[in-house]
Amino acid sequence: MASSPNITCDMVQALICMIWPLRYCCDYRPFFTIHDSEFKEYTTKVQAPPPIILGVTNPFFAKTLQHWPHIIRIGDPQDSNDPNKHKIKRAGSIKALDS
């Protein structure tokens, strides 16, 4: 899940390519919308989630796919330029990253 179709498409392709030299043999959709014909099939909670990788931008999917075991949310790239977004806190002698 990301804020733009370009980011979701790139992320789905990156996930597929990550297992190279093995071939990914299941279905994947770099950009999936609520208007796709399989929308009802994939969002039903009656059966187990299908073996598929979906790239989505609509926040509605966060609610409808909450029964899926794995959801990756990609942050907005503009947020990464903010130097105050991540701060290192000292908790005794341990450093923790606070976001």
PDB file of N, CA and C in Angstrom:
ATOM      1  N   MET A   1       0.847  -1.166   0.000  1.00  0.00           N
ATOM      2  CA  MET A   1       0.000   0.000   0.000  1.00  0.00           C
ATOM      3  C   MET A   1       0.894   1.231   0.000  1.00  0.00           C
ATOM      4  N   ALA A   2       0.644   2.117  -0.931  1.00  0.00           N
ATOM      5  CA  ALA A   2       1.446   3.335  -1.041  1.00  0.00           C
ATOM      6  C   ALA A   2       0.557   4.477  -1.519  1.00  0.00           C
ATOM      7  N   SER A   3       1.145   5.652  -1.590  1.00  0.00           N
ATOM      8  CA  SER A   3       0.369   6.841  -1.945  1.00  0.00           C
ATOM      9  C   SER A   3       0.227   7.056  -3.451  1.00  0.00           C
ATOM     10  N   SER A   4       1.033   6.392  -4.263  1.00  0.00           N
ATOM     11  CA  SER A   4       0.922   6.589  -5.712  1.00  0.00           C
ATOM     12  C   SER A   4       1.037   5.256  -6.453  1.00  0.00           C
ATOM     13  N   PRO A   5       0.402   5.155  -7.625  1.00  0.00           N
ATOM     14  CA  PRO A   5       0.498   3.930  -8.419  1.00  0.00           C
ATOM     15  C   PRO A   5       1.935   3.593  -8.819  1.00  0.00           C
ATOM     16  N   ASN A   6       2.751   4.601  -9.083  1.00  0.00           N
ATOM     17  CA  ASN A   6       4.150   4.340  -9.458  1.00  0.00           C
ATOM     18  C   ASN A   6       4.888   3.607  -8.351  1.00  0.00           C
ATOM     19  N   ILE A   7       4.676   4.043  -7.120  1.00  0.00           N
ATOM     20  CA  ILE A   7       5.368   3.419  -5.990  1.00  0.00           C
ATOM     21  C   ILE A   7       4.873   1.994  -5.784  1.00  0.00           C
ATOM     22  N   THR A   8       3.554   1.770  -5.875  1.00  0.00           N
ATOM     23  CA  THR A   8       3.040   0.411  -5.682  1.00  0.00           C
ATOM     24  C   THR A   8       3.542  -0.526  -6.770  1.00  0.00           C
ATOM     25  N   CYS A   9       3.554  -0.059  -8.009  1.00  0.00           N
ATOM     26  CA  CYS A   9       4.046  -0.897  -9.107  1.00  0.00           C
ATOM     27  C   CYS A   9       5.517  -1.251  -8.917  1.00  0.00           C
ATOM     28  N   ASP A  10       6.318  -0.269  -8.548  1.00  0.00           N
ATOM     29  CA  ASP A  10       7.744  -0.518  -8.313  1.00  0.00           C
ATOM     30  C   ASP A  10       7.955  -1.493  -7.163  1.00  0.00           C
ATOM     31  N   MET A  11       7.164  -1.363  -6.102  1.00  0.00           N
ATOM     32  CA  MET A  11       7.330  -2.243  -4.947  1.00  0.00           C
ATOM     33  C   MET A  11       6.928  -3.676  -5.274  1.00  0.00           C
ATOM     34  N   VAL A  12       5.836  -3.858  -5.990  1.00  0.00           N
ATOM     35  CA  VAL A  12       5.423  -5.210  -6.380  1.00  0.00           C
ATOM     36  C   VAL A  12       6.495  -5.847  -7.257  1.00  0.00           C
ATOM     37  N   GLN A  13       7.018  -5.105  -8.217  1.00  0.00           N
ATOM     38  CA  GLN A  13       8.078  -5.639  -9.074  1.00  0.00           C
ATOM     39  C   GLN A  13       9.329  -5.970  -8.266  1.00  0.00           C
ATOM     40  N   ALA A  14       9.659  -5.137  -7.282  1.00  0.00           N
ATOM     41  CA  ALA A  14      10.827  -5.396  -6.436  1.00  0.00           C
ATOM     42  C   ALA A  14      10.631  -6.668  -5.618  1.00  0.00           C
ATOM     43  N   LEU A  15       9.435  -6.880  -5.088  1.00  0.00           N
ATOM     44  CA  LEU A  15       9.163  -8.098  -4.321  1.00  0.00           C
ATOM     45  C   LEU A  15       9.260  -9.340  -5.198  1.00  0.00           C
ATOM     46  N   ILE A  16       8.767  -9.252  -6.412  1.00  0.00           N
ATOM     47  CA  ILE A  16       8.836 -10.390  -7.336  1.00  0.00           C
ATOM     48  C   ILE A  16      10.290 -10.692  -7.693  1.00  0.00           C
ATOM     49  N   CYS A  17      11.080  -9.660  -7.936  1.00  0.00           N
ATOM     50  CA  CYS A  17      12.480  -9.838  -8.340  1.00  0.00           C
ATOM     51  C   CYS A  17      13.383 -10.250  -7.180  1.00  0.00           C
ATOM     52  N   MET A  18      12.914 -10.084  -5.970  1.00  0.00           N
ATOM     53  CA  MET A  18      13.746 -10.372  -4.802  1.00  0.00           C
ATOM     54  C   MET A  18      14.146 -11.846  -4.706  1.00  0.00           C
ATOM     55  N   ILE A  19      13.335 -12.738  -5.245  1.00  0.00           N
ATOM     56  CA  ILE A  19      13.637 -14.165  -5.128  1.00  0.00           C
ATOM     57  C   ILE A  19      14.425 -14.703  -6.323  1.00  0.00           C
ATOM     58  N   TRP A  20      14.859 -13.798  -7.197  1.00  0.00           N
ATOM     59  CA  TRP A  20      15.643 -14.209  -8.346  1.00  0.00           C
ATOM     60  C   TRP A  20      16.839 -15.015  -7.890  1.00  0.00           C
ATOM     61  N   PRO A  21      17.210 -16.116  -8.473  1.00  0.00           N
ATOM     62  CA  PRO A  21      16.886 -16.662  -9.782  1.00  0.00           C
ATOM     63  C   PRO A  21      15.647 -17.562  -9.797  1.00  0.00           C
ATOM     64  N   LEU A  22      14.958 -17.715  -8.679  1.00  0.00           N
ATOM     65  CA  LEU A  22      13.718 -18.487  -8.693  1.00  0.00           C
ATOM     66  C   LEU A  22      12.621 -17.677  -9.377  1.00  0.00           C
ATOM     67  N   ARG A  23      11.680 -18.385  -9.969  1.00  0.00           N
ATOM     68  CA  ARG A  23      10.555 -17.712 -10.627  1.00  0.00           C
ATOM     69  C   ARG A  23       9.381 -17.618  -9.676  1.00  0.00           C
ATOM     70  N   TYR A  24       8.733 -16.474  -9.620  1.00  0.00           N
ATOM     71  CA  TYR A  24       7.510 -16.319  -8.835  1.00  0.00           C
ATOM     72  C   TYR A  24       6.367 -16.878  -9.674  1.00  0.00           C
ATOM     73  N   CYS A  25       5.726 -17.937  -9.189  1.00  0.00           N
ATOM     74  CA  CYS A  25       4.727 -18.648  -9.996  1.00  0.00           C
ATOM     75  C   CYS A  25       3.287 -18.310  -9.637  1.00  0.00           C
ATOM     76  N   CYS A  26       3.064 -17.441  -8.686  1.00  0.00           N
ATOM     77  CA  CYS A  26       1.696 -17.061  -8.320  1.00  0.00           C
ATOM     78  C   CYS A  26       1.301 -15.781  -9.051  1.00  0.00           C
ATOM     79  N   ASP A  27       0.117 -15.312  -8.755  1.00  0.00           N
ATOM     80  CA  ASP A  27      -0.401 -14.113  -9.414  1.00  0.00           C
ATOM     81  C   ASP A  27       0.103 -12.863  -8.703  1.00  0.00           C
ATOM     82  N   TYR A  28       0.278 -11.794  -9.443  1.00  0.00           N
ATOM     83  CA  TYR A  28       0.604 -10.499  -8.844  1.00  0.00           C
ATOM     84  C   TYR A  28      -0.023  -9.403  -9.684  1.00  0.00           C
ATOM     85  N   ARG A  29      -0.445  -8.358  -9.000  1.00  0.00           N
ATOM     86  CA  ARG A  29      -1.071  -7.210  -9.653  1.00  0.00           C
ATOM     87  C   ARG A  29      -0.359  -5.948  -9.191  1.00  0.00           C
ATOM     88  N   PRO A  30       0.459  -5.346 -10.028  1.00  0.00           N
ATOM     89  CA  PRO A  30       1.188  -4.146  -9.621  1.00  0.00           C
ATOM     90  C   PRO A  30       0.282  -2.988  -9.217  1.00  0.00           C
ATOM     91  N   PHE A  31      -0.922  -2.911  -9.797  1.00  0.00           N
ATOM     92  CA  PHE A  31      -1.862  -1.863  -9.389  1.00  0.00           C
ATOM     93  C   PHE A  31      -3.264  -2.451  -9.405  1.00  0.00           C
ATOM     94  N   PHE A  32      -3.824  -2.667  -8.230  1.00  0.00           N
ATOM     95  CA  PHE A  32      -5.138  -3.299  -8.065  1.00  0.00           C
ATOM     96  C   PHE A  32      -6.110  -2.268  -7.514  1.00  0.00           C
ATOM     97  N   THR A  33      -7.337  -2.221  -8.058  1.00  0.00           N
ATOM     98  CA  THR A  33      -8.337  -1.250  -7.603  1.00  0.00           C
ATOM     99  C   THR A  33      -9.618  -1.970  -7.189  1.00  0.00           C
ATOM    100  N   ILE A  34     -10.526  -1.222  -6.585  1.00  0.00           N
ATOM    101  CA  ILE A  34     -11.807  -1.803  -6.175  1.00  0.00           C
ATOM    102  C   ILE A  34     -12.684  -2.121  -7.383  1.00  0.00           C
ATOM    103  N   HIS A  35     -12.307  -1.663  -8.558  1.00  0.00           N
ATOM    104  CA  HIS A  35     -13.084  -1.908  -9.769  1.00  0.00           C
ATOM    105  C   HIS A  35     -12.627  -3.161 -10.517  1.00  0.00           C
ATOM    106  N   ASP A  36     -11.572  -3.814 -10.047  1.00  0.00           N
ATOM    107  CA  ASP A  36     -11.127  -5.050 -10.687  1.00  0.00           C
ATOM    108  C   ASP A  36     -12.146  -6.158 -10.444  1.00  0.00           C
ATOM    109  N   SER A  37     -12.256  -7.072 -11.392  1.00  0.00           N
ATOM    110  CA  SER A  37     -13.278  -8.123 -11.320  1.00  0.00           C
ATOM    111  C   SER A  37     -13.072  -9.085 -10.146  1.00  0.00           C
ATOM    112  N   GLU A  38     -11.853  -9.252  -9.676  1.00  0.00           N
ATOM    113  CA  GLU A  38     -11.585 -10.171  -8.567  1.00  0.00           C
ATOM    114  C   GLU A  38     -11.676  -9.504  -7.196  1.00  0.00           C
ATOM    115  N   PHE A  39     -12.111  -8.262  -7.132  1.00  0.00           N
ATOM    116  CA  PHE A  39     -12.150  -7.528  -5.863  1.00  0.00           C
ATOM    117  C   PHE A  39     -12.932  -8.292  -4.794  1.00  0.00           C
ATOM    118  N   LYS A  40     -14.137  -8.747  -5.111  1.00  0.00           N
ATOM    119  CA  LYS A  40     -14.959  -9.459  -4.116  1.00  0.00           C
ATOM    120  C   LYS A  40     -14.307 -10.771  -3.700  1.00  0.00           C
ATOM    121  N   GLU A  41     -13.715 -11.452  -4.645  1.00  0.00           N
ATOM    122  CA  GLU A  41     -13.066 -12.737  -4.351  1.00  0.00           C
ATOM    123  C   GLU A  41     -11.897 -12.555  -3.378  1.00  0.00           C
ATOM    124  N   TYR A  42     -11.098 -11.519  -3.570  1.00  0.00           N
ATOM    125  CA  TYR A  42      -9.917 -11.306  -2.739  1.00  0.00           C
ATOM    126  C   TYR A  42     -10.239 -10.717  -1.374  1.00  0.00           C
ATOM    127  N   THR A  43     -11.349 -10.007  -1.254  1.00  0.00           N
ATOM    128  CA  THR A  43     -11.660  -9.348   0.015  1.00  0.00           C
ATOM    129  C   THR A  43     -12.596 -10.153   0.901  1.00  0.00           C
ATOM    130  N   THR A  44     -13.058 -11.301   0.461  1.00  0.00           N
ATOM    131  CA  THR A  44     -13.932 -12.119   1.289  1.00  0.00           C
ATOM    132  C   THR A  44     -13.153 -12.714   2.458  1.00  0.00           C
ATOM    133  N   LYS A  45     -13.792 -12.754   3.610  1.00  0.00           N
ATOM    134  CA  LYS A  45     -13.141 -13.293   4.808  1.00  0.00           C
ATOM    135  C   LYS A  45     -13.486 -14.761   5.024  1.00  0.00           C
ATOM    136  N   VAL A  46     -14.315 -15.337   4.156  1.00  0.00           N
ATOM    137  CA  VAL A  46     -14.762 -16.715   4.314  1.00  0.00           C
ATOM    138  C   VAL A  46     -13.635 -17.700   4.008  1.00  0.00           C
ATOM    139  N   GLN A  47     -12.848 -17.407   3.016  1.00  0.00           N
ATOM    140  CA  GLN A  47     -11.761 -18.306   2.630  1.00  0.00           C
ATOM    141  C   GLN A  47     -10.404 -17.674   2.937  1.00  0.00           C
ATOM    142  N   ALA A  48      -9.384 -18.492   2.884  1.00  0.00           N
ATOM    143  CA  ALA A  48      -8.019 -17.993   3.122  1.00  0.00           C
ATOM    144  C   ALA A  48      -7.624 -17.042   1.993  1.00  0.00           C
ATOM    145  N   PRO A  49      -6.760 -16.062   2.290  1.00  0.00           N
ATOM    146  CA  PRO A  49      -6.318 -15.138   1.241  1.00  0.00           C
ATOM    147  C   PRO A  49      -5.609 -15.891   0.113  1.00  0.00           C
ATOM    148  N   PRO A  50      -5.796 -15.472  -1.116  1.00  0.00           N
ATOM    149  CA  PRO A  50      -5.155 -16.146  -2.243  1.00  0.00           C
ATOM    150  C   PRO A  50      -3.653 -15.863  -2.272  1.00  0.00           C
ATOM    151  N   PRO A  51      -2.881 -16.723  -2.945  1.00  0.00           N
ATOM    152  CA  PRO A  51      -1.437 -16.470  -3.078  1.00  0.00           C
ATOM    153  C   PRO A  51      -1.190 -15.414  -4.153  1.00  0.00           C
ATOM    154  N   ILE A  52      -1.231 -14.164  -3.758  1.00  0.00           N
ATOM    155  CA  ILE A  52      -1.121 -13.058  -4.706  1.00  0.00           C
ATOM    156  C   ILE A  52      -0.451 -11.873  -4.026  1.00  0.00           C
ATOM    157  N   ILE A  53       0.223 -11.063  -4.814  1.00  0.00           N
ATOM    158  CA  ILE A  53       0.788  -9.799  -4.329  1.00  0.00           C
ATOM    159  C   ILE A  53       0.015  -8.684  -5.023  1.00  0.00           C
ATOM    160  N   LEU A  54      -0.589  -7.801  -4.213  1.00  0.00           N
ATOM    161  CA  LEU A  54      -1.381  -6.697  -4.752  1.00  0.00           C
ATOM    162  C   LEU A  54      -0.702  -5.370  -4.457  1.00  0.00           C
ATOM    163  N   GLY A  55      -0.678  -4.489  -5.425  1.00  0.00           N
ATOM    164  CA  GLY A  55      -0.235  -3.116  -5.225  1.00  0.00           C
ATOM    165  C   GLY A  55      -1.465  -2.219  -5.203  1.00  0.00           C
ATOM    166  N   VAL A  56      -1.708  -1.532  -4.087  1.00  0.00           N
ATOM    167  CA  VAL A  56      -2.908  -0.699  -3.955  1.00  0.00           C
ATOM    168  C   VAL A  56      -2.546   0.681  -3.415  1.00  0.00           C
ATOM    169  N   THR A  57      -3.405   1.653  -3.723  1.00  0.00           N
ATOM    170  CA  THR A  57      -3.232   3.007  -3.191  1.00  0.00           C
ATOM    171  C   THR A  57      -4.419   3.434  -2.344  1.00  0.00           C
ATOM    172  N   ASN A  58      -5.552   2.801  -2.508  1.00  0.00           N
ATOM    173  CA  ASN A  58      -6.772   3.191  -1.815  1.00  0.00           C
ATOM    174  C   ASN A  58      -6.710   2.759  -0.346  1.00  0.00           C
ATOM    175  N   PRO A  59      -6.840   3.695   0.614  1.00  0.00           N
ATOM    176  CA  PRO A  59      -6.810   3.336   2.039  1.00  0.00           C
ATOM    177  C   PRO A  59      -7.945   2.399   2.444  1.00  0.00           C
ATOM    178  N   PHE A  60      -8.966   2.280   1.623  1.00  0.00           N
ATOM    179  CA  PHE A  60     -10.066   1.353   1.887  1.00  0.00           C
ATOM    180  C   PHE A  60      -9.560  -0.084   2.003  1.00  0.00           C
ATOM    181  N   PHE A  61      -8.486  -0.408   1.297  1.00  0.00           N
ATOM    182  CA  PHE A  61      -7.934  -1.759   1.347  1.00  0.00           C
ATOM    183  C   PHE A  61      -7.352  -2.094   2.717  1.00  0.00           C
ATOM    184  N   ALA A  62      -6.911  -1.105   3.461  1.00  0.00           N
ATOM    185  CA  ALA A  62      -6.381  -1.370   4.803  1.00  0.00           C
ATOM    186  C   ALA A  62      -7.453  -2.002   5.676  1.00  0.00           C
ATOM    187  N   LYS A  63      -8.683  -1.619   5.464  1.00  0.00           N
ATOM    188  CA  LYS A  63      -9.792  -2.171   6.240  1.00  0.00           C
ATOM    189  C   LYS A  63     -10.280  -3.496   5.658  1.00  0.00           C
ATOM    190  N   THR A  64     -10.452  -3.557   4.346  1.00  0.00           N
ATOM    191  CA  THR A  64     -11.009  -4.763   3.730  1.00  0.00           C
ATOM    192  C   THR A  64     -10.029  -5.932   3.700  1.00  0.00           C
ATOM    193  N   LEU A  65      -8.735  -5.657   3.729  1.00  0.00           N
ATOM    194  CA  LEU A  65      -7.741  -6.740   3.699  1.00  0.00           C
ATOM    195  C   LEU A  65      -7.064  -6.951   5.053  1.00  0.00           C
ATOM    196  N   GLN A  66      -7.676  -6.477   6.124  1.00  0.00           N
ATOM    197  CA  GLN A  66      -7.038  -6.611   7.433  1.00  0.00           C
ATOM    198  C   GLN A  66      -6.930  -8.069   7.884  1.00  0.00           C
ATOM    199  N   HIS A  67      -7.677  -8.977   7.270  1.00  0.00           N
ATOM    200  CA  HIS A  67      -7.578 -10.396   7.604  1.00  0.00           C
ATOM    201  C   HIS A  67      -6.413 -11.081   6.881  1.00  0.00           C
ATOM    202  N   TRP A  68      -5.753 -10.385   5.972  1.00  0.00           N
ATOM    203  CA  TRP A  68      -4.590 -10.953   5.292  1.00  0.00           C
ATOM    204  C   TRP A  68      -3.415 -10.989   6.266  1.00  0.00           C
ATOM    205  N   PRO A  69      -2.556 -11.993   6.174  1.00  0.00           N
ATOM    206  CA  PRO A  69      -1.461 -12.107   7.151  1.00  0.00           C
ATOM    207  C   PRO A  69      -0.343 -11.076   6.983  1.00  0.00           C
ATOM    208  N   HIS A  70      -0.130 -10.555   5.778  1.00  0.00           N
ATOM    209  CA  HIS A  70       0.983  -9.629   5.547  1.00  0.00           C
ATOM    210  C   HIS A  70       0.531  -8.431   4.717  1.00  0.00           C
ATOM    211  N   ILE A  71       0.773  -7.239   5.252  1.00  0.00           N
ATOM    212  CA  ILE A  71       0.484  -6.001   4.535  1.00  0.00           C
ATOM    213  C   ILE A  71       1.699  -5.097   4.687  1.00  0.00           C
ATOM    214  N   ILE A  72       2.214  -4.615   3.571  1.00  0.00           N
ATOM    215  CA  ILE A  72       3.360  -3.699   3.591  1.00  0.00           C
ATOM    216  C   ILE A  72       2.857  -2.317   3.215  1.00  0.00           C
ATOM    217  N   ARG A  73       3.115  -1.354   4.081  1.00  0.00           N
ATOM    218  CA  ARG A  73       2.733   0.035   3.797  1.00  0.00           C
ATOM    219  C   ARG A  73       3.997   0.838   3.542  1.00  0.00           C
ATOM    220  N   ILE A  74       4.044   1.497   2.403  1.00  0.00           N
ATOM    221  CA  ILE A  74       5.192   2.305   2.017  1.00  0.00           C
ATOM    222  C   ILE A  74       4.880   3.757   2.346  1.00  0.00           C
ATOM    223  N   GLY A  75       5.771   4.402   3.091  1.00  0.00           N
ATOM    224  CA  GLY A  75       5.573   5.797   3.468  1.00  0.00           C
ATOM    225  C   GLY A  75       5.724   6.734   2.288  1.00  0.00           C
ATOM    226  N   ASP A  76       5.242   7.938   2.463  1.00  0.00           N
ATOM    227  CA  ASP A  76       5.333   8.957   1.428  1.00  0.00           C
ATOM    228  C   ASP A  76       6.787   9.399   1.294  1.00  0.00           C
ATOM    229  N   PRO A  77       7.364   9.415   0.087  1.00  0.00           N
ATOM    230  CA  PRO A  77       8.774   9.787  -0.066  1.00  0.00           C
ATOM    231  C   PRO A  77       9.067  11.220   0.374  1.00  0.00           C
ATOM    232  N   GLN A  78       8.083  12.097   0.380  1.00  0.00           N
ATOM    233  CA  GLN A  78       8.308  13.476   0.813  1.00  0.00           C
ATOM    234  C   GLN A  78       8.561  13.548   2.311  1.00  0.00           C
ATOM    235  N   ASP A  79       8.018  12.592   3.078  1.00  0.00           N
ATOM    236  CA  ASP A  79       8.228  12.579   4.524  1.00  0.00           C
ATOM    237  C   ASP A  79       9.670  12.268   4.891  1.00  0.00           C
ATOM    238  N   SER A  80      10.398  11.566   4.018  1.00  0.00           N
ATOM    239  CA  SER A  80      11.768  11.175   4.343  1.00  0.00           C
ATOM    240  C   SER A  80      12.727  12.359   4.321  1.00  0.00           C
ATOM    241  N   ASN A  81      12.338  13.481   3.725  1.00  0.00           N
ATOM    242  CA  ASN A  81      13.199  14.660   3.683  1.00  0.00           C
ATOM    243  C   ASN A  81      13.138  15.481   4.962  1.00  0.00           C
ATOM    244  N   ASP A  82      12.215  15.179   5.849  1.00  0.00           N
ATOM    245  CA  ASP A  82      12.057  15.923   7.093  1.00  0.00           C
ATOM    246  C   ASP A  82      13.098  15.436   8.100  1.00  0.00           C
ATOM    247  N   PRO A  83      14.087  16.271   8.460  1.00  0.00           N
ATOM    248  CA  PRO A  83      15.133  15.822   9.381  1.00  0.00           C
ATOM    249  C   PRO A  83      14.620  15.590  10.795  1.00  0.00           C
ATOM    250  N   ASN A  84      13.491  16.158  11.161  1.00  0.00           N
ATOM    251  CA  ASN A  84      12.954  15.975  12.508  1.00  0.00           C
ATOM    252  C   ASN A  84      12.029  14.773  12.618  1.00  0.00           C
ATOM    253  N   LYS A  85      11.827  14.044  11.531  1.00  0.00           N
ATOM    254  CA  LYS A  85      10.915  12.900  11.539  1.00  0.00           C
ATOM    255  C   LYS A  85      11.431  11.776  12.433  1.00  0.00           C
ATOM    256  N   HIS A  86      12.714  11.473  12.354  1.00  0.00           N
ATOM    257  CA  HIS A  86      13.306  10.398  13.144  1.00  0.00           C
ATOM    258  C   HIS A  86      14.338  10.996  14.090  1.00  0.00           C
ATOM    259  N   LYS A  87      14.209  10.675  15.335  1.00  0.00           N
ATOM    260  CA  LYS A  87      15.156  11.168  16.327  1.00  0.00           C
ATOM    261  C   LYS A  87      15.693   9.983  17.118  1.00  0.00           C
ATOM    262  N   ILE A  88      16.956  10.047  17.455  1.00  0.00           N
ATOM    263  CA  ILE A  88      17.553   8.999  18.272  1.00  0.00           C
ATOM    264  C   ILE A  88      17.414   9.402  19.732  1.00  0.00           C
ATOM    265  N   LYS A  89      16.796   8.515  20.502  1.00  0.00           N
ATOM    266  CA  LYS A  89      16.637   8.752  21.935  1.00  0.00           C
ATOM    267  C   LYS A  89      17.630   7.877  22.685  1.00  0.00           C
ATOM    268  N   ARG A  90      18.153   8.396  23.743  1.00  0.00           N
ATOM    269  CA  ARG A  90      19.035   7.595  24.585  1.00  0.00           C
ATOM    270  C   ARG A  90      18.242   7.079  25.775  1.00  0.00           C
ATOM    271  N   ALA A  91      18.186   5.786  25.887  1.00  0.00           N
ATOM    272  CA  ALA A  91      17.539   5.140  27.028  1.00  0.00           C
ATOM    273  C   ALA A  91      18.635   4.401  27.777  1.00  0.00           C
ATOM    274  N   GLY A  92      19.282   5.087  28.678  1.00  0.00           N
ATOM    275  CA  GLY A  92      20.439   4.509  29.349  1.00  0.00           C
ATOM    276  C   GLY A  92      21.571   4.417  28.357  1.00  0.00           C
ATOM    277  N   SER A  93      22.117   3.224  28.165  1.00  0.00           N
ATOM    278  CA  SER A  93      23.198   3.037  27.202  1.00  0.00           C
ATOM    279  C   SER A  93      22.681   2.483  25.875  1.00  0.00           C
ATOM    280  N   ILE A  94      21.360   2.363  25.737  1.00  0.00           N
ATOM    281  CA  ILE A  94      20.769   1.817  24.522  1.00  0.00           C
ATOM    282  C   ILE A  94      20.231   2.960  23.666  1.00  0.00           C
ATOM    283  N   LYS A  95      20.521   2.924  22.372  1.00  0.00           N
ATOM    284  CA  LYS A  95      19.981   3.913  21.443  1.00  0.00           C
ATOM    285  C   LYS A  95      18.751   3.316  20.761  1.00  0.00           C
ATOM    286  N   ALA A  96      17.669   4.071  20.712  1.00  0.00           N
ATOM    287  CA  ALA A  96      16.439   3.617  20.066  1.00  0.00           C
ATOM    288  C   ALA A  96      16.033   4.628  19.016  1.00  0.00           C
ATOM    289  N   LEU A  97      15.529   4.146  17.907  1.00  0.00           N
ATOM    290  CA  LEU A  97      15.072   5.020  16.836  1.00  0.00           C
ATOM    291  C   LEU A  97      13.593   5.289  17.029  1.00  0.00           C
ATOM    292  N   ASP A  98      13.231   6.549  17.195  1.00  0.00           N
ATOM    293  CA  ASP A  98      11.843   6.946  17.405  1.00  0.00           C
ATOM    294  C   ASP A  98      11.320   7.586  16.138  1.00  0.00           C
ATOM    295  N   SER A  99      10.218   7.068  15.624  1.00  0.00           N
ATOM    296  CA  SER A  99       9.654   7.649  14.396  1.00  0.00           C
ATOM    297  C   SER A  99       8.273   8.184  14.648  1.00  0.00           C
TER     298      SER A  99
END
